Amino acid sequence: MKNVLLKLLLVVLMVNTASAQEWMKNLEVAQALATVQNKMVLMVWEETTTYQYPVIVKDDKGRTVFINNLYEDEQVSPLIWEHFVPVIVSEYRYADLYEKIKESRSQKYLDKFNDDSIKIMDVNGNILNVNYSTEDFQNITTLIERYSLNTAFIAKELQDYREDKNFYSAYFLASKYLDLSMYAKPRTRNDIIELSNIYINETERLISKEEQNEHTALKQRCELLKLQKYLLLKRPKKVIRQLNKIKDDEIVESNKPFMAFLYYAAYMSTGKSEDAEEWKSQISSVNLKKAQKIINLNR
């Protein structure tokens, strides 16, 4: 019953926000709405709305238009709502939100979190556009082109993680983000991979909560997932070098198919089809298709 009422509430919110085009003021509700709409969250600190926030945007004829204030323009607001769920977050939330990330994020990430710029977040509050900066005016069109992700592809993994943060939900979400990055443009791909890395790091921290006898296998699985990241960054030779460092007796049985997948994709990406052939029989048809996608990216 609670789930039905929540869905009804979200429908009402969607109707109201779509008509009024006012930015949301509650981060958690914005995240819930973004989950339903398969969108990213566009977030700013409340203090930035107390002064004019000039931006530029391309109109329907491709001309660059200067907008005096992002928060008051009636043409930009619908455009943002079409691609994101925008939310203004109170400065009172800063301390609590910062406390959750201060020990587990890079300084560059923390700087982005702290500044006055627009932050594109996933529904769990992790920033995607950490590496995106502008010297002059924020380009809304560029933000949309690079970060307006349809998250339907990872919807199940996002939901599982939101409902229960454990090793497996974090791991499968990290893995799915890597899969999603394969379909993105190169610059956006790098940002998605960095976002995935946040979940990989969390996965490693969550190993301690699993059964002790599973720790070795889970740690190795995390290390292998990190290597998949390098395949997507077009560094297959590094993957091969790292895999070769793992001794045969160190490979956990349950991780052998994943290792075979990495070897196959890496060797094929470097044009060594003969070396790749011995691993092919150990790979599922689904992962063979994924490997082919990676191979195509490396050509």
C-alpha atoms as a PDB file:
ATOM      1  CA  MET A   1       0.000   0.000   0.000  1.00  0.00           C
ATOM      2  CA  LYS A   2       2.846   2.393   0.881  1.00  0.00           C
ATOM      3  CA  ASN A   3       4.435   1.783  -2.510  1.00  0.00           C
ATOM      4  CA  VAL A   4       1.162   2.585  -4.272  1.00  0.00           C
ATOM      5  CA  LEU A   5       0.772   5.815  -2.292  1.00  0.00           C
ATOM      6  CA  LEU A   6       4.365   6.785  -3.037  1.00  0.00           C
ATOM      7  CA  LYS A   7       3.834   6.255  -6.747  1.00  0.00           C
ATOM      8  CA  LEU A   8       0.655   8.354  -6.628  1.00  0.00           C
ATOM      9  CA  LEU A   9       2.525  11.099  -4.808  1.00  0.00           C
ATOM     10  CA  LEU A  10       5.250  11.076  -7.438  1.00  0.00           C
ATOM     11  CA  VAL A  11       2.690  11.311 -10.228  1.00  0.00           C
ATOM     12  CA  VAL A  12       1.186  14.380  -8.551  1.00  0.00           C
ATOM     13  CA  LEU A  13       4.648  15.875  -8.172  1.00  0.00           C
ATOM     14  CA  MET A  14       5.451  15.245 -11.817  1.00  0.00           C
ATOM     15  CA  VAL A  15       2.239  16.954 -12.946  1.00  0.00           C
ATOM     16  CA  ASN A  16       2.766  19.941 -10.657  1.00  0.00           C
ATOM     17  CA  THR A  17       6.407  20.453 -11.477  1.00  0.00           C
ATOM     18  CA  ALA A  18       5.824  20.013 -15.196  1.00  0.00           C
ATOM     19  CA  SER A  19       3.199  22.763 -15.195  1.00  0.00           C
ATOM     20  CA  ALA A  20       4.797  25.238 -12.802  1.00  0.00           C
ATOM     21  CA  GLN A  21       8.405  24.523 -13.869  1.00  0.00           C
ATOM     22  CA  GLU A  22       9.639  25.468 -10.399  1.00  0.00           C
ATOM     23  CA  TRP A  23      12.751  23.750  -9.169  1.00  0.00           C
ATOM     24  CA  MET A  24      12.337  21.258  -6.373  1.00  0.00           C
ATOM     25  CA  LYS A  25      13.573  22.044  -2.868  1.00  0.00           C
ATOM     26  CA  ASN A  26      13.824  18.561  -1.363  1.00  0.00           C
ATOM     27  CA  LEU A  27      16.787  16.440  -2.477  1.00  0.00           C
ATOM     28  CA  GLU A  28      15.307  13.101  -1.465  1.00  0.00           C
ATOM     29  CA  VAL A  29      12.031  13.751  -3.264  1.00  0.00           C
ATOM     30  CA  ALA A  30      13.960  14.918  -6.343  1.00  0.00           C
ATOM     31  CA  GLN A  31      15.974  11.693  -6.263  1.00  0.00           C
ATOM     32  CA  ALA A  32      12.791   9.634  -5.973  1.00  0.00           C
ATOM     33  CA  LEU A  33      11.275  11.482  -8.931  1.00  0.00           C
ATOM     34  CA  ALA A  34      14.453  11.017 -10.972  1.00  0.00           C
ATOM     35  CA  THR A  35      14.281   7.289 -10.204  1.00  0.00           C
ATOM     36  CA  VAL A  36      10.770   7.081 -11.630  1.00  0.00           C
ATOM     37  CA  GLN A  37      11.658   9.205 -14.677  1.00  0.00           C
ATOM     38  CA  ASN A  38      15.027   7.482 -15.333  1.00  0.00           C
ATOM     39  CA  LYS A  39      16.840  10.824 -15.178  1.00  0.00           C
ATOM     40  CA  MET A  40      19.832  12.410 -13.501  1.00  0.00           C
ATOM     41  CA  VAL A  41      19.421  15.099 -10.849  1.00  0.00           C
ATOM     42  CA  LEU A  42      20.595  18.649 -11.554  1.00  0.00           C
ATOM     43  CA  MET A  43      21.529  20.195  -8.217  1.00  0.00           C
ATOM     44  CA  VAL A  44      22.633  23.638  -7.016  1.00  0.00           C
ATOM     45  CA  TRP A  45      23.189  25.078  -3.562  1.00  0.00           C
ATOM     46  CA  GLU A  46      20.491  27.470  -2.400  1.00  0.00           C
ATOM     47  CA  GLU A  47      22.928  30.336  -1.910  1.00  0.00           C
ATOM     48  CA  THR A  48      23.583  30.479  -5.667  1.00  0.00           C
ATOM     49  CA  THR A  49      19.930  31.365  -6.255  1.00  0.00           C
ATOM     50  CA  THR A  50      20.255  34.602  -4.259  1.00  0.00           C
ATOM     51  CA  TYR A  51      22.128  36.259  -7.118  1.00  0.00           C
ATOM     52  CA  GLN A  52      21.912  36.167 -10.900  1.00  0.00           C
ATOM     53  CA  TYR A  53      23.325  32.991 -12.465  1.00  0.00           C
ATOM     54  CA  PRO A  54      24.018  33.775 -16.141  1.00  0.00           C
ATOM     55  CA  VAL A  55      24.180  30.856 -18.584  1.00  0.00           C
ATOM     56  CA  ILE A  56      24.229  30.286 -22.321  1.00  0.00           C
ATOM     57  CA  VAL A  57      22.076  27.915 -24.354  1.00  0.00           C
ATOM     58  CA  LYS A  58      21.494  27.134 -28.022  1.00  0.00           C
ATOM     59  CA  ASP A  59      18.040  27.859 -29.418  1.00  0.00           C
ATOM     60  CA  ASP A  60      16.172  25.649 -31.898  1.00  0.00           C
ATOM     61  CA  LYS A  61      18.070  27.307 -34.766  1.00  0.00           C
ATOM     62  CA  GLY A  62      21.477  26.526 -33.282  1.00  0.00           C
ATOM     63  CA  ARG A  63      22.165  30.103 -32.198  1.00  0.00           C
ATOM     64  CA  THR A  64      23.848  30.718 -28.841  1.00  0.00           C
ATOM     65  CA  VAL A  65      21.595  32.708 -26.523  1.00  0.00           C
ATOM     66  CA  PHE A  66      22.688  34.486 -23.344  1.00  0.00           C
ATOM     67  CA  ILE A  67      20.365  34.022 -20.348  1.00  0.00           C
ATOM     68  CA  ASN A  68      20.689  36.505 -17.481  1.00  0.00           C
ATOM     69  CA  ASN A  69      19.433  34.215 -14.740  1.00  0.00           C
ATOM     70  CA  LEU A  70      19.142  30.451 -14.912  1.00  0.00           C
ATOM     71  CA  TYR A  71      16.541  30.294 -12.154  1.00  0.00           C
ATOM     72  CA  GLU A  72      14.063  32.797 -13.588  1.00  0.00           C
ATOM     73  CA  ASP A  73      14.108  32.198 -17.329  1.00  0.00           C
ATOM     74  CA  GLU A  74      10.860  30.645 -18.560  1.00  0.00           C
ATOM     75  CA  GLN A  75      12.487  29.111 -21.646  1.00  0.00           C
ATOM     76  CA  VAL A  76      15.418  27.363 -19.961  1.00  0.00           C
ATOM     77  CA  SER A  77      13.418  25.866 -17.107  1.00  0.00           C
ATOM     78  CA  PRO A  78      11.269  23.568 -19.304  1.00  0.00           C
ATOM     79  CA  LEU A  79      14.419  22.519 -21.164  1.00  0.00           C
ATOM     80  CA  ILE A  80      16.111  21.523 -17.921  1.00  0.00           C
ATOM     81  CA  TRP A  81      13.016  19.680 -16.721  1.00  0.00           C
ATOM     82  CA  GLU A  82      12.918  17.764 -19.984  1.00  0.00           C
ATOM     83  CA  HIS A  83      16.351  16.275 -19.352  1.00  0.00           C
ATOM     84  CA  PHE A  84      16.917  16.408 -15.579  1.00  0.00           C
ATOM     85  CA  VAL A  85      15.146  16.739 -12.260  1.00  0.00           C
ATOM     86  CA  PRO A  86      16.413  20.104 -10.953  1.00  0.00           C
ATOM     87  CA  VAL A  87      16.677  20.725  -7.223  1.00  0.00           C
ATOM     88  CA  ILE A  88      17.865  23.553  -5.009  1.00  0.00           C
ATOM     89  CA  VAL A  89      19.456  22.220  -1.823  1.00  0.00           C
ATOM     90  CA  SER A  90      19.549  24.222   1.393  1.00  0.00           C
ATOM     91  CA  GLU A  91      22.922  25.163   2.880  1.00  0.00           C
ATOM     92  CA  TYR A  92      21.678  23.533   6.098  1.00  0.00           C
ATOM     93  CA  ARG A  93      22.057  20.164   4.384  1.00  0.00           C
ATOM     94  CA  TYR A  94      25.711  20.753   3.572  1.00  0.00           C
ATOM     95  CA  ALA A  95      27.270  19.433   6.794  1.00  0.00           C
ATOM     96  CA  ASP A  96      25.352  16.144   6.736  1.00  0.00           C
ATOM     97  CA  LEU A  97      25.985  15.526   3.047  1.00  0.00           C
ATOM     98  CA  TYR A  98      29.671  16.421   3.339  1.00  0.00           C
ATOM     99  CA  GLU A  99      30.138  14.138   6.336  1.00  0.00           C
ATOM    100  CA  LYS A 100      29.057  11.155   4.233  1.00  0.00           C
ATOM    101  CA  ILE A 101      31.676  11.706   1.532  1.00  0.00           C
ATOM    102  CA  LYS A 102      34.636  13.505   3.101  1.00  0.00           C
ATOM    103  CA  GLU A 103      36.664  10.329   3.704  1.00  0.00           C
ATOM    104  CA  SER A 104      35.843   8.511   0.483  1.00  0.00           C
ATOM    105  CA  ARG A 105      36.134  11.072  -2.309  1.00  0.00           C
ATOM    106  CA  SER A 106      39.029  12.739  -4.110  1.00  0.00           C
ATOM    107  CA  GLN A 107      39.876  16.379  -3.444  1.00  0.00           C
ATOM    108  CA  LYS A 108      38.698  17.228  -6.957  1.00  0.00           C
ATOM    109  CA  TYR A 109      35.322  15.641  -6.197  1.00  0.00           C
ATOM    110  CA  LEU A 110      35.041  17.535  -2.889  1.00  0.00           C
ATOM    111  CA  ASP A 111      35.911  20.809  -4.627  1.00  0.00           C
ATOM    112  CA  LYS A 112      33.083  20.209  -7.103  1.00  0.00           C
ATOM    113  CA  PHE A 113      30.724  19.366  -4.254  1.00  0.00           C
ATOM    114  CA  ASN A 114      31.659  22.590  -2.459  1.00  0.00           C
ATOM    115  CA  ASP A 115      31.574  25.085  -5.309  1.00  0.00           C
ATOM    116  CA  ASP A 116      28.648  27.063  -6.723  1.00  0.00           C
ATOM    117  CA  SER A 117      28.502  25.313 -10.077  1.00  0.00           C
ATOM    118  CA  ILE A 118      25.767  23.013 -11.349  1.00  0.00           C
ATOM    119  CA  LYS A 119      26.170  19.413 -10.205  1.00  0.00           C
ATOM    120  CA  ILE A 120      24.747  16.532 -12.213  1.00  0.00           C
ATOM    121  CA  MET A 121      24.096  13.659  -9.811  1.00  0.00           C
ATOM    122  CA  ASP A 122      22.722  10.163 -10.033  1.00  0.00           C
ATOM    123  CA  VAL A 123      19.771   9.239  -7.823  1.00  0.00           C
ATOM    124  CA  ASN A 124      22.161   8.247  -5.022  1.00  0.00           C
ATOM    125  CA  GLY A 125      23.699  11.707  -4.872  1.00  0.00           C
ATOM    126  CA  ASN A 126      27.013  10.905  -6.591  1.00  0.00           C
ATOM    127  CA  ILE A 127      28.299  13.621  -8.916  1.00  0.00           C
ATOM    128  CA  LEU A 128      28.836  12.761 -12.575  1.00  0.00           C
ATOM    129  CA  ASN A 129      30.288  16.015 -13.961  1.00  0.00           C
ATOM    130  CA  VAL A 130      33.267  16.277 -11.589  1.00  0.00           C
ATOM    131  CA  ASN A 131      35.663  16.976 -14.462  1.00  0.00           C
ATOM    132  CA  TYR A 132      33.417  19.446 -16.258  1.00  0.00           C
ATOM    133  CA  SER A 133      34.249  23.095 -15.640  1.00  0.00           C
ATOM    134  CA  THR A 134      33.730  26.365 -17.444  1.00  0.00           C
ATOM    135  CA  GLU A 135      35.721  29.579 -17.239  1.00  0.00           C
ATOM    136  CA  ASP A 136      32.900  31.876 -18.299  1.00  0.00           C
ATOM    137  CA  PHE A 137      29.218  30.966 -18.416  1.00  0.00           C
ATOM    138  CA  GLN A 138      27.713  27.564 -17.830  1.00  0.00           C
ATOM    139  CA  ASN A 139      26.611  26.086 -21.152  1.00  0.00           C
ATOM    140  CA  ILE A 140      23.262  24.385 -20.561  1.00  0.00           C
ATOM    141  CA  THR A 141      23.217  22.821 -24.021  1.00  0.00           C
ATOM    142  CA  THR A 142      26.605  21.178 -23.414  1.00  0.00           C
ATOM    143  CA  LEU A 143      25.464  19.903 -20.029  1.00  0.00           C
ATOM    144  CA  ILE A 144      22.444  18.321 -21.652  1.00  0.00           C
ATOM    145  CA  GLU A 145      24.448  16.784 -24.487  1.00  0.00           C
ATOM    146  CA  ARG A 146      27.025  15.268 -22.142  1.00  0.00           C
ATOM    147  CA  TYR A 147      25.076  14.386 -19.012  1.00  0.00           C
ATOM    148  CA  SER A 148      21.416  13.890 -19.853  1.00  0.00           C
ATOM    149  CA  LEU A 149      21.513  10.138 -19.309  1.00  0.00           C
ATOM    150  CA  ASN A 150      18.544   7.844 -19.652  1.00  0.00           C
ATOM    151  CA  THR A 151      19.124   5.543 -16.684  1.00  0.00           C
ATOM    152  CA  ALA A 152      16.527   2.934 -17.651  1.00  0.00           C
ATOM    153  CA  PHE A 153      19.439   0.622 -18.558  1.00  0.00           C
ATOM    154  CA  ILE A 154      20.622   0.606 -14.930  1.00  0.00           C
ATOM    155  CA  ALA A 155      17.236   1.146 -13.251  1.00  0.00           C
ATOM    156  CA  LYS A 156      17.119  -2.237 -11.509  1.00  0.00           C
ATOM    157  CA  GLU A 157      20.646  -1.906 -10.140  1.00  0.00           C
ATOM    158  CA  LEU A 158      19.962   1.639  -8.939  1.00  0.00           C
ATOM    159  CA  GLN A 159      16.806   0.496  -7.184  1.00  0.00           C
ATOM    160  CA  ASP A 160      18.490  -2.536  -5.587  1.00  0.00           C
ATOM    161  CA  TYR A 161      21.269  -0.320  -4.253  1.00  0.00           C
ATOM    162  CA  ARG A 162      18.834   2.268  -2.877  1.00  0.00           C
ATOM    163  CA  GLU A 163      16.863  -0.439  -1.088  1.00  0.00           C
ATOM    164  CA  ASP A 164      19.851  -2.297   0.373  1.00  0.00           C
ATOM    165  CA  LYS A 165      23.453  -1.066   0.248  1.00  0.00           C
ATOM    166  CA  ASN A 166      25.552  -4.208   0.417  1.00  0.00           C
ATOM    167  CA  PHE A 167      28.521  -5.673  -1.451  1.00  0.00           C
ATOM    168  CA  TYR A 168      26.465  -7.223  -4.212  1.00  0.00           C
ATOM    169  CA  SER A 169      24.148  -4.276  -4.890  1.00  0.00           C
ATOM    170  CA  ALA A 170      27.139  -1.901  -5.023  1.00  0.00           C
ATOM    171  CA  TYR A 171      29.147  -4.305  -7.184  1.00  0.00           C
ATOM    172  CA  PHE A 172      26.398  -4.905  -9.743  1.00  0.00           C
ATOM    173  CA  LEU A 173      25.667  -1.167  -9.947  1.00  0.00           C
ATOM    174  CA  ALA A 174      29.362  -0.398 -10.514  1.00  0.00           C
ATOM    175  CA  SER A 175      29.499  -3.090 -13.194  1.00  0.00           C
ATOM    176  CA  LYS A 176      26.340  -1.829 -14.871  1.00  0.00           C
ATOM    177  CA  TYR A 177      27.687   1.725 -14.985  1.00  0.00           C
ATOM    178  CA  LEU A 178      30.732   0.374 -16.838  1.00  0.00           C
ATOM    179  CA  ASP A 179      28.380  -1.324 -19.293  1.00  0.00           C
ATOM    180  CA  LEU A 180      26.450   1.932 -19.709  1.00  0.00           C
ATOM    181  CA  SER A 181      29.661   3.832 -20.452  1.00  0.00           C
ATOM    182  CA  MET A 182      30.216   1.715 -23.567  1.00  0.00           C
ATOM    183  CA  TYR A 183      27.231   3.419 -25.222  1.00  0.00           C
ATOM    184  CA  ALA A 184      28.309   6.960 -24.332  1.00  0.00           C
ATOM    185  CA  LYS A 185      30.465   9.449 -26.202  1.00  0.00           C
ATOM    186  CA  PRO A 186      34.179   9.324 -25.251  1.00  0.00           C
ATOM    187  CA  ARG A 187      34.215  12.333 -22.901  1.00  0.00           C
ATOM    188  CA  THR A 188      31.016  11.270 -21.200  1.00  0.00           C
ATOM    189  CA  ARG A 189      32.309   7.688 -21.039  1.00  0.00           C
ATOM    190  CA  ASN A 190      35.255   8.793 -18.927  1.00  0.00           C
ATOM    191  CA  ASP A 191      32.928  10.577 -16.503  1.00  0.00           C
ATOM    192  CA  ILE A 192      30.659   7.537 -16.198  1.00  0.00           C
ATOM    193  CA  ILE A 193      33.685   5.330 -15.539  1.00  0.00           C
ATOM    194  CA  GLU A 194      34.759   7.666 -12.730  1.00  0.00           C
ATOM    195  CA  LEU A 195      31.248   7.499 -11.311  1.00  0.00           C
ATOM    196  CA  SER A 196      31.419   3.718 -11.466  1.00  0.00           C
ATOM    197  CA  ASN A 197      34.697   3.880  -9.583  1.00  0.00           C
ATOM    198  CA  ILE A 198      32.897   5.451  -6.618  1.00  0.00           C
ATOM    199  CA  TYR A 199      30.778   2.314  -6.357  1.00  0.00           C
ATOM    200  CA  ILE A 200      33.773   0.024  -6.885  1.00  0.00           C
ATOM    201  CA  ASN A 201      35.513   1.699  -3.949  1.00  0.00           C
ATOM    202  CA  GLU A 202      32.389   1.329  -1.845  1.00  0.00           C
ATOM    203  CA  THR A 203      32.174  -2.314  -2.854  1.00  0.00           C
ATOM    204  CA  GLU A 204      35.631  -2.889  -1.420  1.00  0.00           C
ATOM    205  CA  ARG A 205      34.608  -1.280   1.862  1.00  0.00           C
ATOM    206  CA  LEU A 206      31.515  -3.469   2.064  1.00  0.00           C
ATOM    207  CA  ILE A 207      33.435  -6.757   1.747  1.00  0.00           C
ATOM    208  CA  SER A 208      33.986  -6.795   5.510  1.00  0.00           C
ATOM    209  CA  LYS A 209      30.236  -7.204   6.032  1.00  0.00           C
ATOM    210  CA  GLU A 210      30.123 -10.446   4.059  1.00  0.00           C
ATOM    211  CA  GLU A 211      31.025 -13.917   5.316  1.00  0.00           C
ATOM    212  CA  GLN A 212      34.721 -14.220   6.181  1.00  0.00           C
ATOM    213  CA  ASN A 213      35.254 -17.208   3.906  1.00  0.00           C
ATOM    214  CA  GLU A 214      34.066 -15.155   0.913  1.00  0.00           C
ATOM    215  CA  HIS A 215      36.451 -12.226   1.360  1.00  0.00           C
ATOM    216  CA  THR A 216      39.256 -13.536  -0.870  1.00  0.00           C
ATOM    217  CA  ALA A 217      36.925 -14.226  -3.786  1.00  0.00           C
ATOM    218  CA  LEU A 218      35.144 -10.883  -3.420  1.00  0.00           C
ATOM    219  CA  LYS A 219      38.379  -8.896  -3.222  1.00  0.00           C
ATOM    220  CA  GLN A 220      39.607 -10.590  -6.367  1.00  0.00           C
ATOM    221  CA  ARG A 221      36.313  -9.883  -8.124  1.00  0.00           C
ATOM    222  CA  CYS A 222      36.718  -6.184  -7.309  1.00  0.00           C
ATOM    223  CA  GLU A 223      40.245  -6.167  -8.700  1.00  0.00           C
ATOM    224  CA  LEU A 224      39.018  -7.774 -11.908  1.00  0.00           C
ATOM    225  CA  LEU A 225      36.240  -5.207 -12.231  1.00  0.00           C
ATOM    226  CA  LYS A 226      38.840  -2.452 -11.974  1.00  0.00           C
ATOM    227  CA  LEU A 227      40.679  -4.042 -14.904  1.00  0.00           C
ATOM    228  CA  GLN A 228      37.522  -3.921 -17.003  1.00  0.00           C
ATOM    229  CA  LYS A 229      37.643  -0.167 -16.511  1.00  0.00           C
ATOM    230  CA  TYR A 230      41.017  -0.032 -18.288  1.00  0.00           C
ATOM    231  CA  LEU A 231      39.609  -1.905 -21.258  1.00  0.00           C
ATOM    232  CA  LEU A 232      37.052   0.875 -21.647  1.00  0.00           C
ATOM    233  CA  LEU A 233      39.801   3.468 -21.347  1.00  0.00           C
ATOM    234  CA  LYS A 234      41.577   1.782 -24.286  1.00  0.00           C
ATOM    235  CA  ARG A 235      44.426   0.374 -22.236  1.00  0.00           C
ATOM    236  CA  PRO A 236      44.175  -3.363 -22.995  1.00  0.00           C
ATOM    237  CA  LYS A 237      47.934  -3.939 -22.653  1.00  0.00           C
ATOM    238  CA  LYS A 238      47.763  -2.829 -19.031  1.00  0.00           C
ATOM    239  CA  VAL A 239      44.950  -5.344 -18.468  1.00  0.00           C
ATOM    240  CA  ILE A 240      47.051  -8.172 -19.901  1.00  0.00           C
ATOM    241  CA  ARG A 241      50.050  -7.211 -17.758  1.00  0.00           C
ATOM    242  CA  GLN A 242      47.943  -7.159 -14.597  1.00  0.00           C
ATOM    243  CA  LEU A 243      46.225 -10.460 -15.392  1.00  0.00           C
ATOM    244  CA  ASN A 244      49.576 -12.122 -16.031  1.00  0.00           C
ATOM    245  CA  LYS A 245      50.668 -11.196 -12.518  1.00  0.00           C
ATOM    246  CA  ILE A 246      47.935 -13.404 -11.030  1.00  0.00           C
ATOM    247  CA  LYS A 247      49.225 -16.906 -10.386  1.00  0.00           C
ATOM    248  CA  ASP A 248      47.094 -19.868 -11.443  1.00  0.00           C
ATOM    249  CA  ASP A 249      46.684 -21.140  -7.889  1.00  0.00           C
ATOM    250  CA  GLU A 250      45.493 -17.691  -6.758  1.00  0.00           C
ATOM    251  CA  ILE A 251      42.501 -17.606  -9.073  1.00  0.00           C
ATOM    252  CA  VAL A 252      39.255 -18.291  -7.255  1.00  0.00           C
ATOM    253  CA  GLU A 253      37.106 -20.759  -9.188  1.00  0.00           C
ATOM    254  CA  SER A 254      34.069 -18.496  -9.252  1.00  0.00           C
ATOM    255  CA  ASN A 255      36.131 -15.692 -10.809  1.00  0.00           C
ATOM    256  CA  LYS A 256      37.614 -17.736 -13.664  1.00  0.00           C
ATOM    257  CA  PRO A 257      34.867 -16.864 -16.202  1.00  0.00           C
ATOM    258  CA  PHE A 258      35.355 -13.155 -15.497  1.00  0.00           C
ATOM    259  CA  MET A 259      39.108 -13.510 -15.896  1.00  0.00           C
ATOM    260  CA  ALA A 260      38.602 -15.353 -19.186  1.00  0.00           C
ATOM    261  CA  PHE A 261      36.353 -12.526 -20.392  1.00  0.00           C
ATOM    262  CA  LEU A 262      39.022  -9.924 -19.582  1.00  0.00           C
ATOM    263  CA  TYR A 263      41.796 -11.929 -21.233  1.00  0.00           C
ATOM    264  CA  TYR A 264      39.722 -12.486 -24.361  1.00  0.00           C
ATOM    265  CA  ALA A 265      38.643  -8.846 -24.705  1.00  0.00           C
ATOM    266  CA  ALA A 266      42.156  -7.565 -23.988  1.00  0.00           C
ATOM    267  CA  TYR A 267      43.918  -9.885 -26.431  1.00  0.00           C
ATOM    268  CA  MET A 268      41.364  -9.222 -29.168  1.00  0.00           C
ATOM    269  CA  SER A 269      41.701  -5.478 -28.552  1.00  0.00           C
ATOM    270  CA  THR A 270      45.437  -5.734 -29.184  1.00  0.00           C
ATOM    271  CA  GLY A 271      44.976  -7.829 -32.326  1.00  0.00           C
ATOM    272  CA  LYS A 272      46.236 -11.069 -30.760  1.00  0.00           C
ATOM    273  CA  SER A 273      43.381 -13.322 -31.846  1.00  0.00           C
ATOM    274  CA  GLU A 274      45.413 -16.522 -31.407  1.00  0.00           C
ATOM    275  CA  ASP A 275      46.076 -15.722 -27.739  1.00  0.00           C
ATOM    276  CA  ALA A 276      42.424 -14.805 -27.296  1.00  0.00           C
ATOM    277  CA  GLU A 277      41.096 -18.052 -28.753  1.00  0.00           C
ATOM    278  CA  GLU A 278      42.008 -20.227 -25.751  1.00  0.00           C
ATOM    279  CA  TRP A 279      39.770 -18.096 -23.502  1.00  0.00           C
ATOM    280  CA  LYS A 280      36.753 -17.878 -25.793  1.00  0.00           C
ATOM    281  CA  SER A 281      35.195 -21.227 -24.805  1.00  0.00           C
ATOM    282  CA  GLN A 282      35.026 -20.120 -21.157  1.00  0.00           C
ATOM    283  CA  ILE A 283      32.878 -17.093 -21.905  1.00  0.00           C
ATOM    284  CA  SER A 284      29.079 -16.980 -22.013  1.00  0.00           C
ATOM    285  CA  SER A 285      27.294 -15.781 -25.136  1.00  0.00           C
ATOM    286  CA  VAL A 286      26.179 -12.635 -23.281  1.00  0.00           C
ATOM    287  CA  ASN A 287      29.722 -11.757 -22.295  1.00  0.00           C
ATOM    288  CA  LEU A 288      30.999 -12.519 -25.783  1.00  0.00           C
ATOM    289  CA  LYS A 289      28.680  -9.803 -27.073  1.00  0.00           C
ATOM    290  CA  LYS A 290      29.936  -7.434 -24.393  1.00  0.00           C
ATOM    291  CA  ALA A 291      33.527  -8.310 -25.244  1.00  0.00           C
ATOM    292  CA  GLN A 292      32.852  -7.525 -28.901  1.00  0.00           C
ATOM    293  CA  LYS A 293      31.530  -4.110 -27.927  1.00  0.00           C
ATOM    294  CA  ILE A 294      34.739  -3.445 -25.975  1.00  0.00           C
ATOM    295  CA  ILE A 295      36.862  -4.699 -28.868  1.00  0.00           C
ATOM    296  CA  ASN A 296      35.069  -2.315 -31.238  1.00  0.00           C
ATOM    297  CA  LEU A 297      35.765   0.594 -28.872  1.00  0.00           C
ATOM    298  CA  ASN A 298      39.472  -0.193 -28.924  1.00  0.00           C
ATOM    299  CA  ARG A 299      39.773  -0.173 -32.718  1.00  0.00           C
END
